Amino acid sequence: MLATRSSGLLYVGSMPKRLEEKVAVIVGGASGFGLATAELFAKEGAHVVIAGRRGALAKEVGERLGGSGVECDITNFDQLNDVTDAIVAEHGHIDIGINFAGYERNTPIADLTPEILEPMVNVQFNAAVYFIRAMGNAMASGSGGSIVSISSLTAQNPSSGQAAYAGSKKALEYVSQIAAIEYGASNVRVNTIAAHLIETPMTAHIFERKLIIEAVKNQTPMGRMGHVDDIANCALFLASDAAGYISGETIRVDGGAFTQKLPTPLDYELLANARPDLL
């Protein structure tokens, strides 16, 4: 038998799974950050419930991971609450709620219209708050749990064209701190992850532009782009008992980029002059 040590405890045999018998609801779990997180959580013993607007895909991914899937548009307040109640009725509890729903549309303030701004705020902020509420209420009725929302480095390092997207994410970070206060006595922890630019289906079009990616790497101290697994590993930590006294925090997963400014149009111009091969 193999003896291993973790957190000061000696285990004989294999390491215990960190999310054994936990029920984890993951919004946006069929692709990108959400899929990487769902796969990792399943490996760590969680029953993963994939929730998304594409119900058939959510069910397919959930069942492939040994869990389940359900159609749920978190911008729909009533549907979100009904789905939450159904999950609790089926499993008896919800221990982990992860929200990766979102989309990005770079638009200068001068060009913002209600058609651009309002859907962005509805998904990135309103629905995210509804999700915290639904998960928080369900967990408070049980033995507590962990809620994690995805934010962005752009919410902390201002960048042109990001008013709608980053503004919504910054508001979400603040609401998460308030939720940490309001649900703390019920042993519900609420945190956010501020992700740097990482390749996912949502950002694939940006990664086609070599100049942008090189500029971002140049201004990231670790000198490389992140990976979806970097986000999944942070989500696992926050969801696990290892983070049992961490709440109201925003953890940056950015390779140190917060210590620098995000690339500006001038940075792109200078890099293009020096590296025309990137155009």
Foldseek 3Di string as FASTA:
>chain_A
DDWDDDPRDIDDDDDQQQQALAEEEEEPLLWFLNVLLLLNNLVSHYQYEYEEQPQVSSQVSSVVSVHGYGYDDLLPLVRLLVVLVVVCVVSVAHAEYEYPDAADDQAAPVPDDCVPQVVRLSTLAVSLLSSLVNNLVRQLVDQEHEYEYEAALCLVFPDGRCCRRSVSRVVSLVVQLVSCVVSVVSLYAGEYEHEYDEDIPRCVVVVVQQLQLQLLLVLQVQSHHDYSNLSSVVSSCRGGCVCSPDHSYYHYPGNRNNVGHRDHPVSSVVVCVVCVVSD
